[in-house]
Amino acid sequence: MCLICAKIKETVEDIVCYKLYISFEEELKSLFRRSLAPNMNEIAKTYLEEPYDIRNYVDRGFHSFANLEDALQTGTNISRLYNNMDIVVIKCIIPKDSKCYVGSFWGMTSYCSDSIKLIEICA
């Protein structure tokens, strides 16, 4: 997933968001890098890349959607594209004081952050 970013901010409060994972061999893995999902209800940290290219793409970091409906629709579309891959949508929190880019992915408001906390499975 590659975010086209508008701006970076340090979060002043927790941000609710929704993240997509693949359910594969009884494990949750990220869509594109296939890394294991963090443990539920624990704050996970990662490297947050600087934007690159004229379009200000951000590649590395925790990517998530601002709206549940967008996450569900994207999950459905990706599942269809990849022969009914089992996609899981998880409600998450970008914790207060995280670094976070706000932008868009396929025209939907999205985030890329340096930390995330998985809360519950939505679908």
Protein backbone atom coordinates (compact mmCIF):
# COMPACT_ATOMS: atom_id res chain seq x y z
CA MET A 1 0.00 0.00 0.00
CA CYS A 2 1.39 3.39 -0.88
CA LEU A 3 -0.06 6.54 0.67
CA ILE A 4 -0.16 9.79 -1.26
CA CYS A 5 0.36 12.13 1.66
CA ALA A 6 -0.86 15.59 2.34
CA LYS A 7 0.92 16.35 5.60
CA ILE A 8 2.65 14.84 8.61
CA LYS A 9 1.45 15.48 12.10
CA GLU A 10 2.11 14.34 15.62
CA THR A 11 -1.14 13.02 16.97
CA VAL A 12 -2.55 14.96 19.91
CA GLU A 13 -5.10 12.26 20.68
CA ASP A 14 -5.73 8.63 19.74
CA ILE A 15 -7.01 8.22 16.17
CA VAL A 16 -9.40 5.37 15.36
CA CYS A 17 -8.54 3.68 12.06
CA TYR A 18 -9.00 0.40 10.20
CA LYS A 19 -6.26 -1.86 8.88
CA LEU A 20 -6.36 -4.74 6.42
CA TYR A 21 -4.57 -8.04 6.96
CA ILE A 22 -4.49 -11.38 5.15
CA SER A 23 -5.53 -14.44 7.12
CA PHE A 24 -2.95 -16.99 5.97
CA GLU A 25 -2.17 -20.35 7.59
CA GLU A 26 -3.82 -19.26 10.88
CA GLU A 27 -1.76 -16.05 11.05
CA LEU A 28 -2.54 -12.45 10.18
CA LYS A 29 -0.05 -10.92 7.76
CA SER A 30 0.23 -7.50 6.14
CA LEU A 31 -1.13 -7.26 2.62
CA PHE A 32 1.99 -6.36 0.68
CA ARG A 33 5.04 -7.05 2.83
CA ARG A 34 3.56 -10.23 4.38
CA SER A 35 4.92 -9.34 7.82
CA LEU A 36 3.14 -10.73 10.88
CA ALA A 37 0.49 -8.55 12.48
CA PRO A 38 1.34 -7.06 15.88
CA ASN A 39 -0.28 -8.60 18.96
CA MET A 40 -3.78 -7.36 19.76
CA ASN A 41 -3.99 -4.54 22.34
CA GLU A 42 -0.24 -3.86 22.31
CA ILE A 43 1.35 -0.77 20.78
CA ALA A 44 3.62 -1.70 17.89
CA LYS A 45 6.27 0.66 16.51
CA THR A 46 7.97 0.77 13.12
CA TYR A 47 10.08 2.94 10.87
CA LEU A 48 8.13 5.74 9.17
CA GLU A 49 9.54 6.65 5.79
CA GLU A 50 9.83 10.19 4.45
CA PRO A 51 7.67 10.97 1.39
CA TYR A 52 9.33 10.49 -1.99
CA ASP A 53 8.55 11.27 -5.62
CA ILE A 54 6.72 14.34 -6.85
CA ARG A 55 3.43 12.86 -5.58
CA ASN A 56 4.73 12.55 -1.99
CA TYR A 57 4.31 8.78 -1.69
CA VAL A 58 4.90 7.15 1.71
CA ASP A 59 5.66 3.45 1.49
CA ARG A 60 6.95 2.25 4.88
CA GLY A 61 4.91 2.55 8.05
CA PHE A 62 1.58 1.23 9.34
CA HIS A 63 -1.02 1.97 6.66
CA SER A 64 -4.67 2.27 7.64
CA PHE A 65 -8.00 3.74 6.55
CA ALA A 66 -9.89 6.52 8.31
CA ASN A 67 -13.31 4.98 7.58
CA LEU A 68 -14.57 1.45 8.18
CA GLU A 69 -16.62 1.48 4.96
CA ASP A 70 -13.51 2.28 2.89
CA ALA A 71 -11.55 -0.52 4.56
CA LEU A 72 -14.37 -3.02 3.98
CA GLN A 73 -14.77 -2.05 0.31
CA THR A 74 -11.02 -2.15 -0.32
CA GLY A 75 -10.78 -5.52 1.40
CA THR A 76 -13.57 -6.86 -0.82
CA ASN A 77 -11.91 -5.49 -3.96
CA ILE A 78 -8.49 -6.92 -3.08
CA SER A 79 -10.03 -10.28 -2.17
CA ARG A 80 -11.73 -10.48 -5.59
CA LEU A 81 -8.56 -9.40 -7.38
CA TYR A 82 -6.54 -12.17 -5.71
CA ASN A 83 -8.88 -15.18 -6.08
CA ASN A 84 -10.95 -14.63 -2.92
CA MET A 85 -8.00 -14.11 -0.59
CA ASP A 86 -9.19 -14.07 3.04
CA ILE A 87 -8.97 -10.38 4.09
CA VAL A 88 -9.50 -9.32 7.71
CA VAL A 89 -10.41 -5.76 8.73
CA ILE A 90 -9.17 -4.74 12.18
CA LYS A 91 -10.19 -1.67 14.17
CA CYS A 92 -7.02 0.04 15.40
CA ILE A 93 -5.79 3.07 17.29
CA ILE A 94 -2.95 5.31 16.22
CA PRO A 95 -1.79 6.29 19.72
CA LYS A 96 -1.42 9.86 20.92
CA ASP A 97 2.07 11.33 20.24
CA SER A 98 2.63 9.09 17.19
CA LYS A 99 4.01 10.47 13.95
CA CYS A 100 1.38 10.11 11.26
CA TYR A 101 0.98 11.10 7.61
CA VAL A 102 -2.55 11.91 6.47
CA GLY A 103 -3.36 11.46 2.81
CA SER A 104 -5.19 9.20 0.42
CA PHE A 105 -5.07 5.70 -1.00
CA TRP A 106 -7.25 5.11 -4.07
CA GLY A 107 -9.00 8.40 -3.23
CA MET A 108 -9.89 7.36 0.35
CA THR A 109 -8.66 9.17 3.46
CA SER A 110 -5.84 7.10 4.88
CA TYR A 111 -2.96 7.22 7.33
CA CYS A 112 0.60 5.99 7.55
CA SER A 113 1.96 6.00 11.10
CA ASP A 114 4.96 4.94 13.12
CA SER A 115 2.84 3.16 15.74
CA ILE A 116 -0.46 1.32 15.94
CA LYS A 117 -2.53 -0.70 18.38
CA LEU A 118 -4.86 -3.41 17.07
CA ILE A 119 -8.14 -3.39 19.00
CA GLU A 120 -10.69 -5.79 17.48
CA ILE A 121 -11.56 -7.70 14.33
CA CYS A 122 -14.41 -6.01 12.44
CA ALA A 123 -14.78 -8.38 9.48
